[in-house]
Amino acid sequence: MLKRYPKDETFKWSKVFKGVIYVEAVILVSSFYLYRKLCRDQNFRYRCYQNHGFILEGFYNMMDIVGYDQYRQVDYNTWGVPLDDTKTKNN
């Protein structure tokens, strides 16, 4: 007769760990892509201003902390939005 050994539970945890690492890598790459798109494309920033204001506000706050505060000024001047309008449209 063949001996049966119990299944090793660490196998399941290794799959979960690999899945978590994969999801974190996808989130990191996606957020870097969004950051680069926001930095380079003013039309994309305008679409975010119209539809997803919280994303653009977070981008502006992050760039203010880093020291690049010209994004908000240039965008608002181009779009004809008063600069004292700190609230972006949230839908």
PDB file of N, CA and C in Angstrom:
ATOM      1  N   MET A   1       0.820  -1.184   0.000  1.00  0.00           N
ATOM      2  CA  MET A   1       0.000   0.000   0.000  1.00  0.00           C
ATOM      3  C   MET A   1       0.868   1.254   0.000  1.00  0.00           C
ATOM      4  N   LEU A   2       0.395   2.277  -0.692  1.00  0.00           N
ATOM      5  CA  LEU A   2       1.128   3.539  -0.755  1.00  0.00           C
ATOM      6  C   LEU A   2       0.799   4.395   0.455  1.00  0.00           C
ATOM      7  N   LYS A   3       1.812   5.073   0.935  1.00  0.00           N
ATOM      8  CA  LYS A   3       1.589   5.978   2.058  1.00  0.00           C
ATOM      9  C   LYS A   3       1.090   7.318   1.529  1.00  0.00           C
ATOM     10  N   ARG A   4       0.111   7.860   2.197  1.00  0.00           N
ATOM     11  CA  ARG A   4      -0.391   9.183   1.843  1.00  0.00           C
ATOM     12  C   ARG A   4       0.128  10.188   2.844  1.00  0.00           C
ATOM     13  N   TYR A   5       0.662  11.258   2.307  1.00  0.00           N
ATOM     14  CA  TYR A   5       1.164  12.325   3.152  1.00  0.00           C
ATOM     15  C   TYR A   5       0.186  13.497   3.101  1.00  0.00           C
ATOM     16  N   PRO A   6       0.025  14.199   4.213  1.00  0.00           N
ATOM     17  CA  PRO A   6      -0.899  15.347   4.190  1.00  0.00           C
ATOM     18  C   PRO A   6      -0.367  16.450   3.272  1.00  0.00           C
ATOM     19  N   LYS A   7      -1.310  17.189   2.683  1.00  0.00           N
ATOM     20  CA  LYS A   7      -0.928  18.289   1.802  1.00  0.00           C
ATOM     21  C   LYS A   7      -0.258  19.391   2.610  1.00  0.00           C
ATOM     22  N   ASP A   8       0.704  20.009   1.998  1.00  0.00           N
ATOM     23  CA  ASP A   8       1.442  21.082   2.653  1.00  0.00           C
ATOM     24  C   ASP A   8       0.655  22.391   2.501  1.00  0.00           C
ATOM     25  N   GLU A   9       0.354  23.050   3.622  1.00  0.00           N
ATOM     26  CA  GLU A   9      -0.429  24.284   3.601  1.00  0.00           C
ATOM     27  C   GLU A   9       0.372  25.478   3.093  1.00  0.00           C
ATOM     28  N   THR A  10       1.692  25.408   3.121  1.00  0.00           N
ATOM     29  CA  THR A  10       2.491  26.537   2.650  1.00  0.00           C
ATOM     30  C   THR A  10       2.344  26.739   1.152  1.00  0.00           C
ATOM     31  N   PHE A  11       1.954  25.704   0.432  1.00  0.00           N
ATOM     32  CA  PHE A  11       1.750  25.836  -1.006  1.00  0.00           C
ATOM     33  C   PHE A  11       0.652  26.847  -1.298  1.00  0.00           C
ATOM     34  N   LYS A  12      -0.421  26.815  -0.551  1.00  0.00           N
ATOM     35  CA  LYS A  12      -1.508  27.774  -0.743  1.00  0.00           C
ATOM     36  C   LYS A  12      -1.041  29.189  -0.425  1.00  0.00           C
ATOM     37  N   TRP A  13      -0.282  29.326   0.659  1.00  0.00           N
ATOM     38  CA  TRP A  13       0.175  30.663   1.039  1.00  0.00           C
ATOM     39  C   TRP A  13       1.173  31.215   0.034  1.00  0.00           C
ATOM     40  N   SER A  14       1.945  30.370  -0.583  1.00  0.00           N
ATOM     41  CA  SER A  14       2.885  30.868  -1.582  1.00  0.00           C
ATOM     42  C   SER A  14       2.137  31.408  -2.801  1.00  0.00           C
ATOM     43  N   LYS A  15       1.031  30.769  -3.171  1.00  0.00           N
ATOM     44  CA  LYS A  15       0.223  31.283  -4.276  1.00  0.00           C
ATOM     45  C   LYS A  15      -0.409  32.622  -3.913  1.00  0.00           C
ATOM     46  N   VAL A  16      -0.887  32.746  -2.688  1.00  0.00           N
ATOM     47  CA  VAL A  16      -1.477  34.007  -2.244  1.00  0.00           C
ATOM     48  C   VAL A  16      -0.419  35.103  -2.245  1.00  0.00           C
ATOM     49  N   PHE A  17       0.769  34.788  -1.742  1.00  0.00           N
ATOM     50  CA  PHE A  17       1.855  35.762  -1.700  1.00  0.00           C
ATOM     51  C   PHE A  17       2.243  36.208  -3.112  1.00  0.00           C
ATOM     52  N   LYS A  18       2.349  35.274  -4.035  1.00  0.00           N
ATOM     53  CA  LYS A  18       2.671  35.623  -5.417  1.00  0.00           C
ATOM     54  C   LYS A  18       1.569  36.478  -6.033  1.00  0.00           C
ATOM     55  N   GLY A  19       0.327  36.180  -5.717  1.00  0.00           N
ATOM     56  CA  GLY A  19      -0.780  36.979  -6.229  1.00  0.00           C
ATOM     57  C   GLY A  19      -0.749  38.402  -5.707  1.00  0.00           C
ATOM     58  N   VAL A  20      -0.441  38.559  -4.422  1.00  0.00           N
ATOM     59  CA  VAL A  20      -0.363  39.897  -3.829  1.00  0.00           C
ATOM     60  C   VAL A  20       0.771  40.688  -4.467  1.00  0.00           C
ATOM     61  N   ILE A  21       1.907  40.061  -4.660  1.00  0.00           N
ATOM     62  CA  ILE A  21       3.043  40.732  -5.303  1.00  0.00           C
ATOM     63  C   ILE A  21       2.678  41.138  -6.729  1.00  0.00           C
ATOM     64  N   TYR A  22       1.986  40.269  -7.447  1.00  0.00           N
ATOM     65  CA  TYR A  22       1.571  40.576  -8.814  1.00  0.00           C
ATOM     66  C   TYR A  22       0.616  41.767  -8.837  1.00  0.00           C
ATOM     67  N   VAL A  23      -0.361  41.781  -7.950  1.00  0.00           N
ATOM     68  CA  VAL A  23      -1.327  42.883  -7.903  1.00  0.00           C
ATOM     69  C   VAL A  23      -0.626  44.196  -7.558  1.00  0.00           C
ATOM     70  N   GLU A  24       0.303  44.170  -6.616  1.00  0.00           N
ATOM     71  CA  GLU A  24       1.041  45.384  -6.263  1.00  0.00           C
ATOM     72  C   GLU A  24       1.876  45.881  -7.436  1.00  0.00           C
ATOM     73  N   ALA A  25       2.469  44.980  -8.190  1.00  0.00           N
ATOM     74  CA  ALA A  25       3.258  45.389  -9.354  1.00  0.00           C
ATOM     75  C   ALA A  25       2.372  46.030 -10.416  1.00  0.00           C
ATOM     76  N   VAL A  26       1.190  45.467 -10.630  1.00  0.00           N
ATOM     77  CA  VAL A  26       0.258  46.042 -11.602  1.00  0.00           C
ATOM     78  C   VAL A  26      -0.193  47.429 -11.160  1.00  0.00           C
ATOM     79  N   ILE A  27      -0.475  47.603  -9.877  1.00  0.00           N
ATOM     80  CA  ILE A  27      -0.885  48.909  -9.361  1.00  0.00           C
ATOM     81  C   ILE A  27       0.251  49.918  -9.504  1.00  0.00           C
ATOM     82  N   LEU A  28       1.475  49.508  -9.221  1.00  0.00           N
ATOM     83  CA  LEU A  28       2.626  50.401  -9.344  1.00  0.00           C
ATOM     84  C   LEU A  28       2.822  50.853 -10.788  1.00  0.00           C
ATOM     85  N   VAL A  29       2.763  49.928 -11.726  1.00  0.00           N
ATOM     86  CA  VAL A  29       2.939  50.275 -13.137  1.00  0.00           C
ATOM     87  C   VAL A  29       1.798  51.169 -13.611  1.00  0.00           C
ATOM     88  N   SER A  30       0.575  50.876 -13.191  1.00  0.00           N
ATOM     89  CA  SER A  30      -0.575  51.688 -13.592  1.00  0.00           C
ATOM     90  C   SER A  30      -0.486  53.100 -13.043  1.00  0.00           C
ATOM     91  N   SER A  31      -0.087  53.235 -11.789  1.00  0.00           N
ATOM     92  CA  SER A  31       0.015  54.574 -11.206  1.00  0.00           C
ATOM     93  C   SER A  31       1.148  55.366 -11.846  1.00  0.00           C
ATOM     94  N   PHE A  32       2.247  54.706 -12.213  1.00  0.00           N
ATOM     95  CA  PHE A  32       3.326  55.402 -12.910  1.00  0.00           C
ATOM     96  C   PHE A  32       2.866  55.864 -14.290  1.00  0.00           C
ATOM     97  N   TYR A  33       2.103  55.025 -14.995  1.00  0.00           N
ATOM     98  CA  TYR A  33       1.559  55.403 -16.300  1.00  0.00           C
ATOM     99  C   TYR A  33       0.627  56.607 -16.164  1.00  0.00           C
ATOM    100  N   LEU A  34      -0.232  56.599 -15.154  1.00  0.00           N
ATOM    101  CA  LEU A  34      -1.148  57.718 -14.931  1.00  0.00           C
ATOM    102  C   LEU A  34      -0.377  58.990 -14.605  1.00  0.00           C
ATOM    103  N   TYR A  35       0.667  58.884 -13.780  1.00  0.00           N
ATOM    104  CA  TYR A  35       1.498  60.037 -13.439  1.00  0.00           C
ATOM    105  C   TYR A  35       2.148  60.626 -14.688  1.00  0.00           C
ATOM    106  N   ARG A  36       2.732  59.762 -15.531  1.00  0.00           N
ATOM    107  CA  ARG A  36       3.387  60.258 -16.742  1.00  0.00           C
ATOM    108  C   ARG A  36       2.387  60.881 -17.699  1.00  0.00           C
ATOM    109  N   LYS A  37       1.205  60.295 -17.781  1.00  0.00           N
ATOM    110  CA  LYS A  37       0.173  60.842 -18.665  1.00  0.00           C
ATOM    111  C   LYS A  37      -0.295  62.202 -18.153  1.00  0.00           C
ATOM    112  N   LEU A  38      -0.460  62.345 -16.845  1.00  0.00           N
ATOM    113  CA  LEU A  38      -0.867  63.622 -16.274  1.00  0.00           C
ATOM    114  C   LEU A  38       0.218  64.680 -16.450  1.00  0.00           C
ATOM    115  N   CYS A  39       1.476  64.303 -16.361  1.00  0.00           N
ATOM    116  CA  CYS A  39       2.571  65.270 -16.517  1.00  0.00           C
ATOM    117  C   CYS A  39       2.699  65.763 -17.951  1.00  0.00           C
ATOM    118  N   ARG A  40       2.429  64.919 -18.904  1.00  0.00           N
ATOM    119  CA  ARG A  40       2.734  65.245 -20.293  1.00  0.00           C
ATOM    120  C   ARG A  40       1.553  65.751 -21.112  1.00  0.00           C
ATOM    121  N   ASP A  41       0.347  65.390 -20.768  1.00  0.00           N
ATOM    122  CA  ASP A  41      -0.790  65.651 -21.648  1.00  0.00           C
ATOM    123  C   ASP A  41      -1.789  66.582 -20.973  1.00  0.00           C
ATOM    124  N   GLN A  42      -1.862  67.830 -21.455  1.00  0.00           N
ATOM    125  CA  GLN A  42      -2.778  68.793 -20.854  1.00  0.00           C
ATOM    126  C   GLN A  42      -4.233  68.450 -21.176  1.00  0.00           C
ATOM    127  N   ASN A  43      -4.496  67.880 -22.342  1.00  0.00           N
ATOM    128  CA  ASN A  43      -5.864  67.481 -22.675  1.00  0.00           C
ATOM    129  C   ASN A  43      -6.352  66.373 -21.747  1.00  0.00           C
ATOM    130  N   PHE A  44      -5.465  65.456 -21.387  1.00  0.00           N
ATOM    131  CA  PHE A  44      -5.828  64.406 -20.438  1.00  0.00           C
ATOM    132  C   PHE A  44      -6.131  64.997 -19.066  1.00  0.00           C
ATOM    133  N   ARG A  45      -5.329  65.998 -18.658  1.00  0.00           N
ATOM    134  CA  ARG A  45      -5.604  66.672 -17.387  1.00  0.00           C
ATOM    135  C   ARG A  45      -6.960  67.375 -17.438  1.00  0.00           C
ATOM    136  N   TYR A  46      -7.311  67.944 -18.587  1.00  0.00           N
ATOM    137  CA  TYR A  46      -8.614  68.610 -18.707  1.00  0.00           C
ATOM    138  C   TYR A  46      -9.752  67.596 -18.617  1.00  0.00           C
ATOM    139  N   ARG A  47      -9.585  66.437 -19.233  1.00  0.00           N
ATOM    140  CA  ARG A  47     -10.614  65.391 -19.107  1.00  0.00           C
ATOM    141  C   ARG A  47     -10.740  64.932 -17.661  1.00  0.00           C
ATOM    142  N   CYS A  48      -9.611  64.829 -16.957  1.00  0.00           N
ATOM    143  CA  CYS A  48      -9.657  64.480 -15.532  1.00  0.00           C
ATOM    144  C   CYS A  48     -10.327  65.586 -14.736  1.00  0.00           C
ATOM    145  N   TYR A  49     -10.102  66.844 -15.119  1.00  0.00           N
ATOM    146  CA  TYR A  49     -10.735  67.973 -14.443  1.00  0.00           C
ATOM    147  C   TYR A  49     -12.252  67.897 -14.593  1.00  0.00           C
ATOM    148  N   GLN A  50     -12.713  67.524 -15.772  1.00  0.00           N
ATOM    149  CA  GLN A  50     -14.148  67.445 -16.022  1.00  0.00           C
ATOM    150  C   GLN A  50     -14.791  66.230 -15.362  1.00  0.00           C
ATOM    151  N   ASN A  51     -14.119  65.091 -15.383  1.00  0.00           N
ATOM    152  CA  ASN A  51     -14.758  63.844 -14.961  1.00  0.00           C
ATOM    153  C   ASN A  51     -14.275  63.300 -13.620  1.00  0.00           C
ATOM    154  N   HIS A  52     -13.007  63.423 -13.331  1.00  0.00           N
ATOM    155  CA  HIS A  52     -12.416  62.824 -12.134  1.00  0.00           C
ATOM    156  C   HIS A  52     -11.571  63.865 -11.413  1.00  0.00           C
ATOM    157  N   GLY A  53     -12.221  64.824 -10.797  1.00  0.00           N
ATOM    158  CA  GLY A  53     -11.523  65.933 -10.165  1.00  0.00           C
ATOM    159  C   GLY A  53     -10.627  65.522  -9.018  1.00  0.00           C
ATOM    160  N   PHE A  54     -10.992  64.469  -8.301  1.00  0.00           N
ATOM    161  CA  PHE A  54     -10.186  64.049  -7.154  1.00  0.00           C
ATOM    162  C   PHE A  54      -8.813  63.545  -7.593  1.00  0.00           C
ATOM    163  N   ILE A  55      -8.724  62.930  -8.767  1.00  0.00           N
ATOM    164  CA  ILE A  55      -7.430  62.467  -9.271  1.00  0.00           C
ATOM    165  C   ILE A  55      -6.544  63.658  -9.597  1.00  0.00           C
ATOM    166  N   LEU A  56      -7.117  64.645 -10.266  1.00  0.00           N
ATOM    167  CA  LEU A  56      -6.338  65.820 -10.639  1.00  0.00           C
ATOM    168  C   LEU A  56      -5.944  66.633  -9.418  1.00  0.00           C
ATOM    169  N   GLU A  57      -6.824  66.724  -8.439  1.00  0.00           N
ATOM    170  CA  GLU A  57      -6.491  67.456  -7.214  1.00  0.00           C
ATOM    171  C   GLU A  57      -5.349  66.763  -6.468  1.00  0.00           C
ATOM    172  N   GLY A  58      -5.363  65.450  -6.435  1.00  0.00           N
ATOM    173  CA  GLY A  58      -4.258  64.714  -5.827  1.00  0.00           C
ATOM    174  C   GLY A  58      -2.958  64.924  -6.583  1.00  0.00           C
ATOM    175  N   PHE A  59      -3.044  64.963  -7.901  1.00  0.00           N
ATOM    176  CA  PHE A  59      -1.854  65.226  -8.715  1.00  0.00           C
ATOM    177  C   PHE A  59      -1.305  66.617  -8.432  1.00  0.00           C
ATOM    178  N   TYR A  60      -2.191  67.615  -8.387  1.00  0.00           N
ATOM    179  CA  TYR A  60      -1.744  68.985  -8.103  1.00  0.00           C
ATOM    180  C   TYR A  60      -1.131  69.081  -6.708  1.00  0.00           C
ATOM    181  N   ASN A  61      -1.735  68.448  -5.730  1.00  0.00           N
ATOM    182  CA  ASN A  61      -1.188  68.486  -4.369  1.00  0.00           C
ATOM    183  C   ASN A  61       0.185  67.820  -4.308  1.00  0.00           C
ATOM    184  N   MET A  62       0.335  66.698  -4.996  1.00  0.00           N
ATOM    185  CA  MET A  62       1.628  66.021  -5.006  1.00  0.00           C
ATOM    186  C   MET A  62       2.684  66.889  -5.687  1.00  0.00           C
ATOM    187  N   MET A  63       2.329  67.522  -6.784  1.00  0.00           N
ATOM    188  CA  MET A  63       3.286  68.368  -7.485  1.00  0.00           C
ATOM    189  C   MET A  63       3.612  69.627  -6.684  1.00  0.00           C
ATOM    190  N   ASP A  64       2.658  70.141  -5.902  1.00  0.00           N
ATOM    191  CA  ASP A  64       2.942  71.274  -5.019  1.00  0.00           C
ATOM    192  C   ASP A  64       3.954  70.883  -3.946  1.00  0.00           C
ATOM    193  N   ILE A  65       3.822  69.687  -3.403  1.00  0.00           N
ATOM    194  CA  ILE A  65       4.753  69.217  -2.374  1.00  0.00           C
ATOM    195  C   ILE A  65       6.155  69.063  -2.960  1.00  0.00           C
ATOM    196  N   VAL A  66       6.233  68.537  -4.173  1.00  0.00           N
ATOM    197  CA  VAL A  66       7.524  68.322  -4.815  1.00  0.00           C
ATOM    198  C   VAL A  66       8.157  69.652  -5.229  1.00  0.00           C
ATOM    199  N   GLY A  67       7.328  70.651  -5.527  1.00  0.00           N
ATOM    200  CA  GLY A  67       7.851  71.963  -5.882  1.00  0.00           C
ATOM    201  C   GLY A  67       7.520  72.411  -7.291  1.00  0.00           C
ATOM    202  N   TYR A  68       6.730  71.648  -8.014  1.00  0.00           N
ATOM    203  CA  TYR A  68       6.329  72.018  -9.369  1.00  0.00           C
ATOM    204  C   TYR A  68       4.890  72.516  -9.340  1.00  0.00           C
ATOM    205  N   ASP A  69       4.709  73.762  -8.911  1.00  0.00           N
ATOM    206  CA  ASP A  69       3.356  74.283  -8.770  1.00  0.00           C
ATOM    207  C   ASP A  69       2.852  74.958 -10.040  1.00  0.00           C
ATOM    208  N   GLN A  70       3.623  74.943 -11.124  1.00  0.00           N
ATOM    209  CA  GLN A  70       3.197  75.627 -12.335  1.00  0.00           C
ATOM    210  C   GLN A  70       2.116  74.863 -13.092  1.00  0.00           C
ATOM    211  N   TYR A  71       1.930  73.582 -12.832  1.00  0.00           N
ATOM    212  CA  TYR A  71       0.917  72.809 -13.552  1.00  0.00           C
ATOM    213  C   TYR A  71      -0.474  73.394 -13.341  1.00  0.00           C
ATOM    214  N   ARG A  72      -0.838  73.666 -12.115  1.00  0.00           N
ATOM    215  CA  ARG A  72      -2.165  74.189 -11.811  1.00  0.00           C
ATOM    216  C   ARG A  72      -2.354  75.569 -12.440  1.00  0.00           C
ATOM    217  N   GLN A  73      -1.349  76.425 -12.326  1.00  0.00           N
ATOM    218  CA  GLN A  73      -1.462  77.779 -12.862  1.00  0.00           C
ATOM    219  C   GLN A  73      -1.604  77.767 -14.380  1.00  0.00           C
ATOM    220  N   VAL A  74      -0.783  77.002 -15.054  1.00  0.00           N
ATOM    221  CA  VAL A  74      -0.838  76.940 -16.515  1.00  0.00           C
ATOM    222  C   VAL A  74      -2.158  76.338 -16.977  1.00  0.00           C
ATOM    223  N   ASP A  75      -2.592  75.267 -16.326  1.00  0.00           N
ATOM    224  CA  ASP A  75      -3.846  74.625 -16.720  1.00  0.00           C
ATOM    225  C   ASP A  75      -5.031  75.556 -16.516  1.00  0.00           C
ATOM    226  N   TYR A  76      -5.122  76.177 -15.357  1.00  0.00           N
ATOM    227  CA  TYR A  76      -6.263  77.040 -15.081  1.00  0.00           C
ATOM    228  C   TYR A  76      -6.280  78.246 -16.007  1.00  0.00           C
ATOM    229  N   ASN A  77      -5.109  78.798 -16.334  1.00  0.00           N
ATOM    230  CA  ASN A  77      -5.069  79.915 -17.278  1.00  0.00           C
ATOM    231  C   ASN A  77      -5.495  79.478 -18.671  1.00  0.00           C
ATOM    232  N   THR A  78      -5.067  78.301 -19.100  1.00  0.00           N
ATOM    233  CA  THR A  78      -5.431  77.789 -20.421  1.00  0.00           C
ATOM    234  C   THR A  78      -6.919  77.478 -20.506  1.00  0.00           C
ATOM    235  N   TRP A  79      -7.471  76.910 -19.451  1.00  0.00           N
ATOM    236  CA  TRP A  79      -8.874  76.510 -19.461  1.00  0.00           C
ATOM    237  C   TRP A  79      -9.816  77.656 -19.130  1.00  0.00           C
ATOM    238  N   GLY A  80      -9.294  78.791 -18.681  1.00  0.00           N
ATOM    239  CA  GLY A  80     -10.136  79.923 -18.320  1.00  0.00           C
ATOM    240  C   GLY A  80     -10.822  79.760 -16.980  1.00  0.00           C
ATOM    241  N   VAL A  81     -10.233  79.000 -16.095  1.00  0.00           N
ATOM    242  CA  VAL A  81     -10.785  78.777 -14.758  1.00  0.00           C
ATOM    243  C   VAL A  81     -10.074  79.725 -13.803  1.00  0.00           C
ATOM    244  N   PRO A  82     -10.814  80.428 -12.927  1.00  0.00           N
ATOM    245  CA  PRO A  82     -10.131  81.290 -11.960  1.00  0.00           C
ATOM    246  C   PRO A  82      -9.234  80.467 -11.039  1.00  0.00           C
ATOM    247  N   LEU A  83      -8.060  81.014 -10.748  1.00  0.00           N
ATOM    248  CA  LEU A  83      -7.066  80.286  -9.956  1.00  0.00           C
ATOM    249  C   LEU A  83      -7.509  80.089  -8.519  1.00  0.00           C
ATOM    250  N   ASP A  84      -8.372  80.964  -8.004  1.00  0.00           N
ATOM    251  CA  ASP A  84      -8.827  80.806  -6.624  1.00  0.00           C
ATOM    252  C   ASP A  84      -9.871  79.711  -6.485  1.00  0.00           C
ATOM    253  N   ASP A  85     -10.297  79.125  -7.596  1.00  0.00           N
ATOM    254  CA  ASP A  85     -11.244  78.010  -7.571  1.00  0.00           C
ATOM    255  C   ASP A  85     -10.481  76.734  -7.219  1.00  0.00           C
ATOM    256  N   THR A  86     -10.350  76.453  -5.915  1.00  0.00           N
ATOM    257  CA  THR A  86      -9.573  75.291  -5.480  1.00  0.00           C
ATOM    258  C   THR A  86     -10.356  73.999  -5.585  1.00  0.00           C
ATOM    259  N   LYS A  87     -11.663  74.093  -5.659  1.00  0.00           N
ATOM    260  CA  LYS A  87     -12.473  72.882  -5.805  1.00  0.00           C
ATOM    261  C   LYS A  87     -12.577  72.534  -7.280  1.00  0.00           C
ATOM    262  N   THR A  88     -12.240  71.312  -7.620  1.00  0.00           N
ATOM    263  CA  THR A  88     -12.449  70.846  -8.978  1.00  0.00           C
ATOM    264  C   THR A  88     -13.799  70.164  -9.033  1.00  0.00           C
ATOM    265  N   LYS A  89     -14.298  70.005 -10.235  1.00  0.00           N
ATOM    266  CA  LYS A  89     -15.612  69.397 -10.399  1.00  0.00           C
ATOM    267  C   LYS A  89     -15.532  67.910 -10.084  1.00  0.00           C
ATOM    268  N   ASN A  90     -16.404  67.439  -9.224  1.00  0.00           N
ATOM    269  CA  ASN A  90     -16.468  66.013  -8.894  1.00  0.00           C
ATOM    270  C   ASN A  90     -17.812  65.470  -9.336  1.00  0.00           C
ATOM    271  N   ASN A  91     -17.774  64.446 -10.178  1.00  0.00           N
ATOM    272  CA  ASN A  91     -19.021  63.813 -10.631  1.00  0.00           C
ATOM    273  C   ASN A  91     -19.174  62.484  -9.978  1.00  0.00           C
TER     274      ASN A  91
END
